[in-house]
Amino acid sequence: MARGTGRAAAPGAAAADAPGMGASGGVIPAAGAPPAEARSAGSGSALSPAPRHPWFSAARRILLVAALAFVLGGLTSWGQLVLPPETASLANSAGGWTIPTAILVLWLARGYPEAAIAGGAGFLALTLGYAVASGWRGIAFDPTTWAIIGALAGPVIGCAAHSLRRRGLQLALGTSVLAGVLVGDGAYGLTVVADTTSAVWWWIEIAAGTVVLVVGALRARPWGLALVAVTGTVLVSGLFWSAFVLLPILVFRG
């Protein structure tokens, strides 16, 4: 009988070909299972914090506008003591609060809804800051009337300030509002309270409003919108002057 030449399989040789085992004894991932690197990466991302909602950042910016406005409102009250006579009206004029509110909103706000809320919050904070500082000075000041006016006018000023970031009709209308308020307030000072105040600050306001108008008109496209900005400024300044002339009659004198 011929002698067999084959050798018996060594122990473990069959195991080397078993499912799930590599030639070197390593484990082969089952079909459909993700690689180890992918599994570890996925488990790490599950522990990462969820992204913040956009309104969280918007709320922080609005609160920052309100906080800075509160400080500026308090400084307005103290400014009535320390400013020279030529610029003392800065601390007692609508333009003196419109300018910082517009700057804060233009700097911080993103989008019209946020600008409107920030503008209203800024004017309210200015009024409250002024009331608190006046109380420390021993001066009684009821913020109710100006808080209502600020709540109504603040969103308009905020949206007008934000529109300076835009182009076209939005820019022209926003320019009209801001320039009209400054020019109208300056005209009110020169014509209604000129006997008791210096003309310097009122002319500064008119000059500032004119600069806002010129810059906005030059940036307007098409050029016909420059006429919209000029016409709107004249209308807003006239409405502002009329409103401030009537305000003492309608509110403060009952």
Protein backbone atom coordinates (compact mmCIF):
# COMPACT_ATOMS: atom_id res chain seq x y z
CA MET A 1 0.00 0.00 0.00
CA ALA A 2 1.28 3.36 -0.87
CA ARG A 3 2.11 5.63 1.97
CA GLY A 4 0.23 8.93 2.21
CA THR A 5 2.35 11.99 1.86
CA GLY A 6 -0.12 14.56 3.27
CA ARG A 7 0.35 15.94 6.74
CA ALA A 8 -2.34 16.43 9.28
CA ALA A 9 -3.35 20.00 9.71
CA ALA A 10 -1.62 21.69 12.55
CA PRO A 11 -3.72 22.72 15.47
CA GLY A 12 -5.05 26.22 14.92
CA ALA A 13 -4.69 26.18 11.16
CA ALA A 14 -8.40 25.82 10.69
CA ALA A 15 -8.94 28.59 13.19
CA ALA A 16 -6.78 30.86 11.07
CA ASP A 17 -9.38 30.65 8.32
CA ALA A 18 -12.35 31.02 10.63
CA PRO A 19 -14.72 33.93 10.03
CA GLY A 20 -13.73 37.04 11.92
CA MET A 21 -10.08 36.16 12.25
CA GLY A 22 -7.25 37.43 10.06
CA ALA A 23 -4.13 35.64 9.08
CA SER A 24 -2.24 37.27 11.90
CA GLY A 25 -4.93 36.54 14.41
CA GLY A 26 -6.50 40.06 14.27
CA VAL A 27 -10.23 40.52 14.39
CA ILE A 28 -11.91 41.42 11.08
CA PRO A 29 -14.89 43.80 11.49
CA ALA A 30 -18.22 42.23 10.70
CA ALA A 31 -19.91 43.19 7.45
CA GLY A 32 -21.61 46.60 7.69
CA ALA A 33 -19.85 47.60 10.94
CA PRO A 34 -18.14 51.05 10.85
CA PRO A 35 -14.37 51.23 11.28
CA ALA A 36 -13.03 51.73 14.77
CA GLU A 37 -11.91 55.30 13.94
CA ALA A 38 -15.41 56.23 12.79
CA ARG A 39 -16.96 54.75 15.92
CA SER A 40 -14.62 56.65 18.21
CA ALA A 41 -15.19 59.90 16.28
CA GLY A 42 -18.92 59.46 16.48
CA SER A 43 -18.86 58.87 20.21
CA GLY A 44 -16.75 62.03 20.68
CA SER A 45 -19.13 64.22 18.67
CA ALA A 46 -22.05 62.98 20.72
CA LEU A 47 -20.44 64.56 23.78
CA SER A 48 -19.81 67.96 22.13
CA PRO A 49 -22.12 70.83 23.23
CA ALA A 50 -25.09 71.67 21.03
CA PRO A 51 -24.73 74.88 18.96
CA ARG A 52 -26.29 77.98 20.48
CA HIS A 53 -29.46 79.39 19.00
CA PRO A 54 -28.95 82.60 16.97
CA TRP A 55 -31.29 84.44 19.32
CA PHE A 56 -28.86 83.83 22.17
CA SER A 57 -26.23 86.00 20.48
CA ALA A 58 -28.87 88.56 19.51
CA ALA A 59 -30.04 88.81 23.13
CA ARG A 60 -26.49 89.42 24.31
CA ARG A 61 -26.03 92.25 21.80
CA ILE A 62 -29.35 93.84 22.79
CA LEU A 63 -28.42 93.65 26.47
CA LEU A 64 -25.06 95.25 25.68
CA VAL A 65 -26.82 98.13 23.89
CA ALA A 66 -29.12 98.60 26.89
CA ALA A 67 -26.25 98.49 29.40
CA LEU A 68 -24.17 101.04 27.52
CA ALA A 69 -27.22 103.26 27.01
CA PHE A 70 -28.01 103.13 30.74
CA VAL A 71 -24.51 104.40 31.50
CA LEU A 72 -24.82 107.14 28.87
CA GLY A 73 -28.18 108.18 30.30
CA GLY A 74 -26.60 108.61 33.71
CA LEU A 75 -23.74 110.58 32.21
CA THR A 76 -26.30 112.83 30.52
CA SER A 77 -27.64 113.91 33.89
CA TRP A 78 -24.16 114.65 35.23
CA GLY A 79 -23.28 116.34 31.95
CA GLN A 80 -25.82 119.03 32.70
CA LEU A 81 -23.52 120.09 35.54
CA VAL A 82 -20.10 119.92 33.92
CA LEU A 83 -20.56 120.75 30.22
CA PRO A 84 -19.71 124.30 29.17
CA PRO A 85 -22.68 126.57 28.32
CA GLU A 86 -21.97 126.32 24.59
CA THR A 87 -22.58 122.56 24.54
CA ALA A 88 -24.76 122.11 27.63
CA SER A 89 -27.79 121.43 25.42
CA LEU A 90 -26.13 118.18 24.36
CA ALA A 91 -27.36 116.77 27.68
CA ASN A 92 -30.87 118.15 27.21
CA SER A 93 -31.84 117.40 23.62
CA ALA A 94 -33.40 114.61 21.62
CA GLY A 95 -30.39 114.58 19.33
CA GLY A 96 -28.13 114.01 22.32
CA TRP A 97 -29.84 110.63 22.80
CA THR A 98 -30.51 109.84 19.14
CA ILE A 99 -26.82 109.95 18.20
CA PRO A 100 -25.51 107.40 20.78
CA THR A 101 -28.49 105.09 20.25
CA ALA A 102 -27.97 105.08 16.49
CA ILE A 103 -24.23 104.45 16.88
CA LEU A 104 -24.77 101.54 19.29
CA VAL A 105 -27.38 99.91 17.05
CA LEU A 106 -25.29 100.43 13.91
CA TRP A 107 -22.32 98.87 15.66
CA LEU A 108 -24.00 95.87 17.32
CA ALA A 109 -27.35 94.98 15.75
CA ARG A 110 -27.71 92.33 13.03
CA GLY A 111 -30.96 92.54 11.09
CA TYR A 112 -34.00 94.79 11.37
CA PRO A 113 -35.87 92.91 14.16
CA GLU A 114 -32.80 93.05 16.38
CA ALA A 115 -32.19 96.71 15.49
CA ALA A 116 -35.78 97.63 16.38
CA ILE A 117 -35.60 95.89 19.76
CA ALA A 118 -32.15 97.31 20.49
CA GLY A 119 -33.32 100.82 19.57
CA GLY A 120 -36.30 100.64 21.90
CA ALA A 121 -34.24 99.08 24.70
CA GLY A 122 -31.55 101.72 24.21
CA PHE A 123 -33.95 104.64 24.56
CA LEU A 124 -35.62 103.10 27.60
CA ALA A 125 -32.24 102.48 29.21
CA LEU A 126 -31.17 106.06 28.51
CA THR A 127 -34.29 107.32 30.29
CA LEU A 128 -33.83 105.02 33.28
CA GLY A 129 -30.14 105.85 33.56
CA TYR A 130 -30.98 109.54 33.51
CA ALA A 131 -33.64 109.04 36.19
CA VAL A 132 -31.29 107.10 38.47
CA ALA A 133 -28.46 109.62 38.15
CA SER A 134 -30.86 112.53 38.68
CA GLY A 135 -32.15 110.84 41.83
CA TRP A 136 -28.59 110.59 43.16
CA ARG A 137 -28.27 114.31 42.50
CA GLY A 138 -31.42 114.96 44.51
CA ILE A 139 -33.50 115.91 41.46
CA ALA A 140 -36.92 114.33 41.05
CA PHE A 141 -37.49 113.04 37.52
CA ASP A 142 -40.47 110.99 36.39
CA PRO A 143 -39.29 108.82 33.46
CA THR A 144 -42.78 107.71 32.39
CA THR A 145 -43.41 110.21 29.59
CA TRP A 146 -39.97 109.92 28.03
CA ALA A 147 -39.99 106.14 28.45
CA ILE A 148 -43.19 105.99 26.37
CA ILE A 149 -41.72 108.33 23.76
CA GLY A 150 -38.53 106.26 23.69
CA ALA A 151 -40.45 102.99 23.33
CA LEU A 152 -42.20 104.43 20.26
CA ALA A 153 -39.29 106.29 18.68
CA GLY A 154 -36.51 103.88 19.61
CA PRO A 155 -37.43 101.09 17.17
CA VAL A 156 -37.70 103.65 14.35
CA ILE A 157 -34.25 105.07 15.14
CA GLY A 158 -32.85 101.55 15.46
CA CYS A 159 -34.15 100.45 12.06
CA ALA A 160 -32.97 103.72 10.49
CA ALA A 161 -29.48 103.19 11.91
CA HIS A 162 -29.33 99.61 10.66
CA SER A 163 -30.46 100.69 7.18
CA LEU A 164 -27.19 102.62 6.84
CA ARG A 165 -25.61 99.20 6.26
CA ARG A 166 -27.87 98.65 3.25
CA ARG A 167 -28.27 100.13 -0.21
CA GLY A 168 -31.05 101.49 -2.37
CA LEU A 169 -34.36 102.66 -0.95
CA GLN A 170 -33.60 101.30 2.53
CA LEU A 171 -30.51 103.48 2.78
CA ALA A 172 -32.38 106.54 1.48
CA LEU A 173 -35.23 106.17 3.99
CA GLY A 174 -32.92 105.49 6.94
CA THR A 175 -30.84 108.51 6.02
CA SER A 176 -34.00 110.63 5.90
CA VAL A 177 -35.02 109.60 9.41
CA LEU A 178 -31.67 110.16 11.13
CA ALA A 179 -30.79 113.34 9.26
CA GLY A 180 -34.33 114.67 9.70
CA VAL A 181 -34.30 114.12 13.48
CA LEU A 182 -30.96 115.91 13.88
CA VAL A 183 -31.86 118.81 11.61
CA GLY A 184 -35.34 119.11 13.12
CA ASP A 185 -34.00 119.11 16.67
CA GLY A 186 -31.42 121.73 15.76
CA ALA A 187 -34.09 123.90 14.13
CA TYR A 188 -36.28 123.53 17.22
CA GLY A 189 -33.44 124.71 19.43
CA LEU A 190 -32.69 127.73 17.25
CA THR A 191 -36.33 128.83 16.94
CA VAL A 192 -38.14 127.80 20.13
CA VAL A 193 -35.62 127.72 22.98
CA ALA A 194 -33.01 130.08 21.57
CA ASP A 195 -33.57 132.62 24.37
CA THR A 196 -32.52 130.18 27.10
CA THR A 197 -29.85 128.07 25.37
CA SER A 198 -26.67 128.56 23.39
CA ALA A 199 -26.90 128.19 19.63
CA VAL A 200 -23.62 126.25 19.38
CA TRP A 201 -25.00 122.77 20.04
CA TRP A 202 -28.03 123.33 17.80
CA TRP A 203 -25.78 124.25 14.88
CA ILE A 204 -23.64 121.18 15.63
CA GLU A 205 -26.76 119.03 15.34
CA ILE A 206 -27.76 120.62 12.05
CA ALA A 207 -24.23 120.10 10.72
CA ALA A 208 -24.25 116.45 11.86
CA GLY A 209 -27.62 115.88 10.19
CA THR A 210 -26.33 117.47 7.00
CA VAL A 211 -23.29 115.19 7.01
CA VAL A 212 -25.53 112.13 7.44
CA LEU A 213 -27.69 113.32 4.55
CA VAL A 214 -24.76 114.01 2.21
CA VAL A 215 -23.06 110.68 2.91
CA GLY A 216 -26.32 108.76 2.51
CA ALA A 217 -27.23 110.59 -0.69
CA LEU A 218 -23.80 109.92 -2.21
CA ARG A 219 -24.08 106.21 -1.43
CA ALA A 220 -27.62 105.91 -2.78
CA ARG A 221 -28.04 104.00 -6.02
CA PRO A 222 -29.59 104.83 -8.42
CA TRP A 223 -28.96 108.55 -8.13
CA GLY A 224 -32.67 109.34 -8.08
CA LEU A 225 -32.78 107.98 -4.53
CA ALA A 226 -30.63 110.93 -3.44
CA LEU A 227 -33.69 113.10 -4.08
CA VAL A 228 -35.74 110.73 -1.93
CA ALA A 229 -33.23 111.17 0.90
CA VAL A 230 -33.28 114.98 0.62
CA THR A 231 -37.09 115.17 0.42
CA GLY A 232 -37.49 112.73 3.29
CA THR A 233 -35.08 114.71 5.46
CA VAL A 234 -37.09 117.90 4.92
CA LEU A 235 -40.36 116.13 5.77
CA VAL A 236 -38.99 114.36 8.87
CA SER A 237 -37.35 117.53 10.20
CA GLY A 238 -40.62 119.43 9.76
CA LEU A 239 -42.62 116.71 11.51
CA PHE A 240 -40.08 116.55 14.32
CA TRP A 241 -40.17 120.32 14.83
CA SER A 242 -43.97 120.33 14.90
CA ALA A 243 -44.12 117.39 17.32
CA PHE A 244 -41.77 119.03 19.81
CA VAL A 245 -43.64 122.31 19.60
CA LEU A 246 -46.92 120.52 20.36
CA LEU A 247 -45.49 118.11 22.94
CA PRO A 248 -45.48 120.54 25.91
CA ILE A 249 -49.04 121.54 25.09
CA LEU A 250 -50.36 117.99 24.74
CA VAL A 251 -48.42 116.31 27.56
CA PHE A 252 -46.77 118.58 30.06
CA ARG A 253 -49.54 121.18 30.30
CA GLY A 254 -52.41 118.72 30.26
